[in-house]
C-alpha atoms as a PDB file:
ATOM      1  CA  MET A   1     -75.645-204.615 -48.195  1.00  0.00           C
ATOM      2  CA  GLY A   2     -78.081-207.457 -48.982  1.00  0.00           C
ATOM      3  CA  GLN A   3     -81.584-206.397 -47.953  1.00  0.00           C
ATOM      4  CA  SER A   4     -83.658-204.722 -50.717  1.00  0.00           C
ATOM      5  CA  MET A   5     -85.525-202.392 -48.298  1.00  0.00           C
ATOM      6  CA  ALA A   6     -82.265-201.270 -46.740  1.00  0.00           C
ATOM      7  CA  ILE A   7     -80.709-200.682 -50.169  1.00  0.00           C
ATOM      8  CA  ALA A   8     -83.699-198.674 -51.271  1.00  0.00           C
ATOM      9  CA  ASN A   9     -83.567-196.451 -48.290  1.00  0.00           C
ATOM     10  CA  VAL A  10     -79.836-195.904 -48.562  1.00  0.00           C
ATOM     11  CA  LEU A  11     -80.413-194.800 -52.174  1.00  0.00           C
ATOM     12  CA  ALA A  12     -83.127-192.453 -50.958  1.00  0.00           C
ATOM     13  CA  ARG A  13     -80.784-191.081 -48.358  1.00  0.00           C
ATOM     14  CA  GLN A  14     -78.016-190.528 -50.919  1.00  0.00           C
ATOM     15  CA  ALA A  15     -80.391-189.075 -53.518  1.00  0.00           C
ATOM     16  CA  PRO A  16     -83.125-187.234 -51.531  1.00  0.00           C
ATOM     17  CA  ALA A  17     -85.474-186.857 -54.539  1.00  0.00           C
ATOM     18  CA  LEU A  18     -85.714-190.632 -54.529  1.00  0.00           C
ATOM     19  CA  ALA A  19     -87.333-190.484 -51.003  1.00  0.00           C
ATOM     20  CA  GLY A  20     -90.075-188.065 -52.349  1.00  0.00           C
ATOM     21  CA  GLU A  21     -89.838-184.370 -52.767  1.00  0.00           C
ATOM     22  CA  THR A  22     -92.858-183.667 -50.394  1.00  0.00           C
ATOM     23  CA  ASP A  23     -93.925-185.220 -47.187  1.00  0.00           C
ATOM     24  CA  LYS A  24     -96.938-186.734 -49.075  1.00  0.00           C
ATOM     25  CA  ASP A  25     -94.577-188.378 -51.645  1.00  0.00           C
ATOM     26  CA  TYR A  26     -92.287-189.571 -48.969  1.00  0.00           C
ATOM     27  CA  VAL A  27     -95.236-191.249 -47.166  1.00  0.00           C
ATOM     28  CA  MET A  28     -96.461-192.812 -50.400  1.00  0.00           C
ATOM     29  CA  SER A  29     -92.979-194.045 -51.289  1.00  0.00           C
ATOM     30  CA  GLN A  30     -92.812-195.766 -47.893  1.00  0.00           C
ATOM     31  CA  MET A  31     -96.250-197.256 -48.321  1.00  0.00           C
ATOM     32  CA  LEU A  32     -95.279-198.556 -51.749  1.00  0.00           C
ATOM     33  CA  LEU A  33     -92.128-200.065 -50.384  1.00  0.00           C
ATOM     34  CA  ALA A  34     -94.234-201.885 -47.712  1.00  0.00           C
ATOM     35  CA  GLU A  35     -96.812-203.015 -50.237  1.00  0.00           C
ATOM     36  CA  ALA A  36     -94.255-204.262 -52.672  1.00  0.00           C
ATOM     37  CA  GLU A  37     -92.629-206.147 -49.846  1.00  0.00           C
ATOM     38  CA  ASP A  38     -95.967-207.691 -48.995  1.00  0.00           C
ATOM     39  CA  ILE A  39     -96.518-208.912 -52.497  1.00  0.00           C
ATOM     40  CA  TYR A  40     -92.923-210.156 -52.712  1.00  0.00           C
ATOM     41  CA  GLY A  41     -93.436-212.070 -49.634  1.00  0.00           C
ATOM     42  CA  LEU A  42     -96.479-213.792 -51.047  1.00  0.00           C
ATOM     43  CA  LEU A  43     -94.541-214.646 -54.210  1.00  0.00           C
ATOM     44  CA  VAL A  44     -91.677-216.065 -52.226  1.00  0.00           C
ATOM     45  CA  LYS A  45     -94.082-218.127 -50.088  1.00  0.00           C
ATOM     46  CA  LEU A  46     -96.370-219.416 -52.840  1.00  0.00           C
ATOM     47  CA  CYS A  47     -94.744-219.114 -56.252  1.00  0.00           C
ATOM     48  CA  PRO A  48     -92.266-221.615 -57.709  1.00  0.00           C
ATOM     49  CA  THR A  49     -88.714-220.107 -58.225  1.00  0.00           C
ATOM     50  CA  ILE A  50     -85.730-220.972 -60.189  1.00  0.00           C
ATOM     51  CA  MET A  51     -84.336-222.569 -56.938  1.00  0.00           C
ATOM     52  CA  LYS A  52     -87.488-224.285 -55.538  1.00  0.00           C
ATOM     53  CA  ASP A  53     -90.552-225.852 -57.011  1.00  0.00           C
ATOM     54  CA  LYS A  54     -93.622-225.359 -54.977  1.00  0.00           C
ATOM     55  CA  ARG A  55     -97.246-225.515 -56.064  1.00  0.00           C
ATOM     56  CA  ASP A  56     -99.386-225.289 -52.845  1.00  0.00           C
ATOM     57  CA  GLY A  57    -101.329-222.041 -52.943  1.00  0.00           C
ATOM     58  CA  VAL A  58    -100.030-220.828 -56.340  1.00  0.00           C
ATOM     59  CA  THR A  59    -103.617-220.906 -57.828  1.00  0.00           C
ATOM     60  CA  GLN A  60    -105.020-218.691 -54.982  1.00  0.00           C
ATOM     61  CA  LEU A  61    -101.930-216.459 -55.412  1.00  0.00           C
ATOM     62  CA  TRP A  62    -102.685-215.528 -58.900  1.00  0.00           C
ATOM     63  CA  SER A  63    -106.513-215.682 -58.754  1.00  0.00           C
ATOM     64  CA  GLU A  64    -107.129-214.021 -55.413  1.00  0.00           C
ATOM     65  CA  ASP A  65    -104.035-212.672 -53.507  1.00  0.00           C
ATOM     66  CA  VAL A  66    -102.307-210.783 -56.398  1.00  0.00           C
ATOM     67  CA  PRO A  67    -105.507-209.184 -57.774  1.00  0.00           C
ATOM     68  CA  ALA A  68    -106.532-207.954 -54.350  1.00  0.00           C
ATOM     69  CA  HIS A  69    -103.098-206.255 -53.866  1.00  0.00           C
ATOM     70  CA  LEU A  70    -103.320-204.797 -57.367  1.00  0.00           C
ATOM     71  CA  ALA A  71    -106.737-203.384 -56.820  1.00  0.00           C
ATOM     72  CA  LYS A  72    -105.528-201.585 -53.707  1.00  0.00           C
ATOM     73  CA  LEU A  73    -102.667-200.112 -55.717  1.00  0.00           C
ATOM     74  CA  GLU A  74    -104.923-199.154 -58.588  1.00  0.00           C
ATOM     75  CA  ALA A  75    -107.011-197.109 -56.117  1.00  0.00           C
ATOM     76  CA  LEU A  76    -103.996-195.122 -55.034  1.00  0.00           C
ATOM     77  CA  LEU A  77    -103.009-194.044 -58.580  1.00  0.00           C
ATOM     78  CA  GLU A  78    -103.777-190.501 -59.595  1.00  0.00           C
ATOM     79  CA  GLY A  79    -103.539-188.254 -62.609  1.00  0.00           C
ATOM     80  CA  PRO A  80    -104.675-188.273 -66.155  1.00  0.00           C
ATOM     81  CA  GLY A  81    -103.891-191.362 -68.189  1.00  0.00           C
ATOM     82  CA  PRO A  82    -101.827-192.542 -69.705  1.00  0.00           C
ATOM     83  CA  ARG A  83     -99.339-191.142 -67.165  1.00  0.00           C
ATOM     84  CA  PHE A  84    -100.863-192.173 -63.887  1.00  0.00           C
ATOM     85  CA  ALA A  85     -98.625-191.528 -60.869  1.00  0.00           C
ATOM     86  CA  PHE A  86     -98.431-192.443 -57.310  1.00  0.00           C
ATOM     87  CA  THR A  87     -96.361-189.432 -56.361  1.00  0.00           C
ATOM     88  CA  PHE A  88     -95.607-185.880 -57.755  1.00  0.00           C
ATOM     89  CA  THR A  89     -91.943-186.703 -57.665  1.00  0.00           C
ATOM     90  CA  GLY A  90     -92.563-189.484 -60.236  1.00  0.00           C
ATOM     91  CA  LEU A  91     -89.884-192.026 -59.411  1.00  0.00           C
ATOM     92  CA  THR A  92     -89.287-192.636 -55.688  1.00  0.00           C
ATOM     93  CA  VAL A  93     -87.663-195.737 -54.268  1.00  0.00           C
ATOM     94  CA  GLY A  94     -91.036-196.995 -53.379  1.00  0.00           C
ATOM     95  CA  GLU A  95     -92.168-196.820 -57.002  1.00  0.00           C
ATOM     96  CA  LEU A  96     -89.030-198.322 -58.369  1.00  0.00           C
ATOM     97  CA  TYR A  97     -89.148-201.140 -55.842  1.00  0.00           C
ATOM     98  CA  LEU A  98     -92.829-201.788 -56.621  1.00  0.00           C
ATOM     99  CA  TRP A  99     -92.020-201.706 -60.405  1.00  0.00           C
ATOM    100  CA  GLY A 100     -89.365-204.306 -59.877  1.00  0.00           C
ATOM    101  CA  VAL A 101     -91.761-206.662 -58.012  1.00  0.00           C
ATOM    102  CA  LEU A 102     -94.389-206.201 -60.744  1.00  0.00           C
ATOM    103  CA  TYR A 103     -91.670-206.836 -63.433  1.00  0.00           C
ATOM    104  CA  GLN A 104     -90.907-210.181 -61.815  1.00  0.00           C
ATOM    105  CA  MET A 105     -94.600-210.971 -61.804  1.00  0.00           C
ATOM    106  CA  THR A 106     -95.061-210.075 -65.531  1.00  0.00           C
ATOM    107  CA  LEU A 107     -92.137-212.433 -66.407  1.00  0.00           C
ATOM    108  CA  VAL A 108     -94.362-215.269 -64.933  1.00  0.00           C
ATOM    109  CA  LYS A 109     -97.763-214.067 -65.933  1.00  0.00           C
ATOM    110  CA  PRO A 110     -97.528-211.415 -68.727  1.00  0.00           C
ATOM    111  CA  GLU A 111    -101.318-210.682 -68.465  1.00  0.00           C
ATOM    112  CA  VAL A 112    -101.113-210.148 -64.723  1.00  0.00           C
ATOM    113  CA  LEU A 113    -101.736-206.315 -65.032  1.00  0.00           C
ATOM    114  CA  SER A 114    -104.530-206.497 -67.600  1.00  0.00           C
ATOM    115  CA  ASN A 115    -107.335-206.103 -65.107  1.00  0.00           C
ATOM    116  CA  THR A 116    -105.818-203.025 -63.566  1.00  0.00           C
ATOM    117  CA  PRO A 117    -105.471-200.416 -66.450  1.00  0.00           C
ATOM    118  CA  LYS A 118    -103.980-197.678 -64.405  1.00  0.00           C
ATOM    119  CA  ILE A 119    -101.314-199.944 -62.898  1.00  0.00           C
ATOM    120  CA  ASN A 120    -100.672-201.303 -66.335  1.00  0.00           C
ATOM    121  CA  ALA A 121    -100.248-197.752 -67.799  1.00  0.00           C
ATOM    122  CA  TRP A 122     -97.964-196.721 -64.868  1.00  0.00           C
ATOM    123  CA  TYR A 123     -95.904-199.873 -65.259  1.00  0.00           C
ATOM    124  CA  SER A 124     -95.433-199.232 -68.945  1.00  0.00           C
ATOM    125  CA  PHE A 125     -94.436-195.650 -68.237  1.00  0.00           C
ATOM    126  CA  VAL A 126     -91.753-196.656 -65.713  1.00  0.00           C
ATOM    127  CA  HIS A 127     -90.637-199.473 -67.940  1.00  0.00           C
ATOM    128  CA  GLN A 128     -89.742-197.021 -70.724  1.00  0.00           C
ATOM    129  CA  HIS A 129     -87.686-194.817 -68.463  1.00  0.00           C
ATOM    130  CA  PRO A 130     -84.155-194.611 -69.642  1.00  0.00           C
ATOM    131  CA  GLY A 131     -82.666-195.690 -66.321  1.00  0.00           C
ATOM    132  CA  VAL A 132     -84.923-198.653 -66.127  1.00  0.00           C
ATOM    133  CA  GLN A 133     -84.086-199.644 -69.676  1.00  0.00           C
ATOM    134  CA  LYS A 134     -80.398-199.334 -68.819  1.00  0.00           C
ATOM    135  CA  THR A 135     -80.874-201.670 -65.872  1.00  0.00           C
ATOM    136  CA  LEU A 136     -82.850-204.203 -67.960  1.00  0.00           C
ATOM    137  CA  GLU A 137     -80.095-204.190 -70.562  1.00  0.00           C
ATOM    138  CA  GLY A 138     -77.455-204.959 -67.918  1.00  0.00           C
ATOM    139  CA  LYS A 139     -75.640-201.607 -68.338  1.00  0.00           C
ATOM    140  CA  ALA A 140     -76.468-200.103 -64.918  1.00  0.00           C
ATOM    141  CA  GLY A 141     -73.656-201.664 -62.899  1.00  0.00           C
ATOM    142  CA  VAL A 142     -76.068-204.026 -60.998  1.00  0.00           C
ATOM    143  CA  GLY A 143     -76.042-206.917 -63.453  1.00  0.00           C
ATOM    144  CA  THR A 144     -79.228-208.028 -65.254  1.00  0.00           C
ATOM    145  CA  LEU A 145     -82.584-208.535 -63.742  1.00  0.00           C
ATOM    146  CA  GLY A 146     -83.155-212.210 -64.474  1.00  0.00           C
ATOM    147  CA  GLN A 147     -86.330-214.048 -63.843  1.00  0.00           C
ATOM    148  CA  TYR A 148     -86.583-215.416 -60.399  1.00  0.00           C
ATOM    149  CA  PHE A 149     -90.191-216.640 -60.195  1.00  0.00           C
ATOM    150  CA  ILE A 150     -91.476-219.264 -62.588  1.00  0.00           C
ATOM    151  CA  ALA A 151     -94.886-220.586 -63.663  1.00  0.00           C
END
């Protein structure tokens, strides 16, 4: 299986908690999958990658497009800091997929989350999760998450 959205939804089907434990969490997870895919689409279109150098639109991507998407996500986060959350479940496929897209963005622009403190706190919380750490260390059976987008 090669499509990230399909993989995420199969994982949620196999481990129902990943889909969201409530209807509200399920809907939020699906919204986050879609939003992450929107951001990823912008990155693919406008950001240079390890396979293709492109520069048209990259300034607008980082100065306007990405901040606009992050502001919308920031508004969706709830809870007392520093543990803001999108869902009660805590780690749905939508949240994990979004985290992965944000991770790729931070590899290009480490400061990208600095103007969205709730997103930054949530990102850090997920980043510290043992399963995420296992994946980042290349010990999760999916290989390592190398950098795809470049500056």
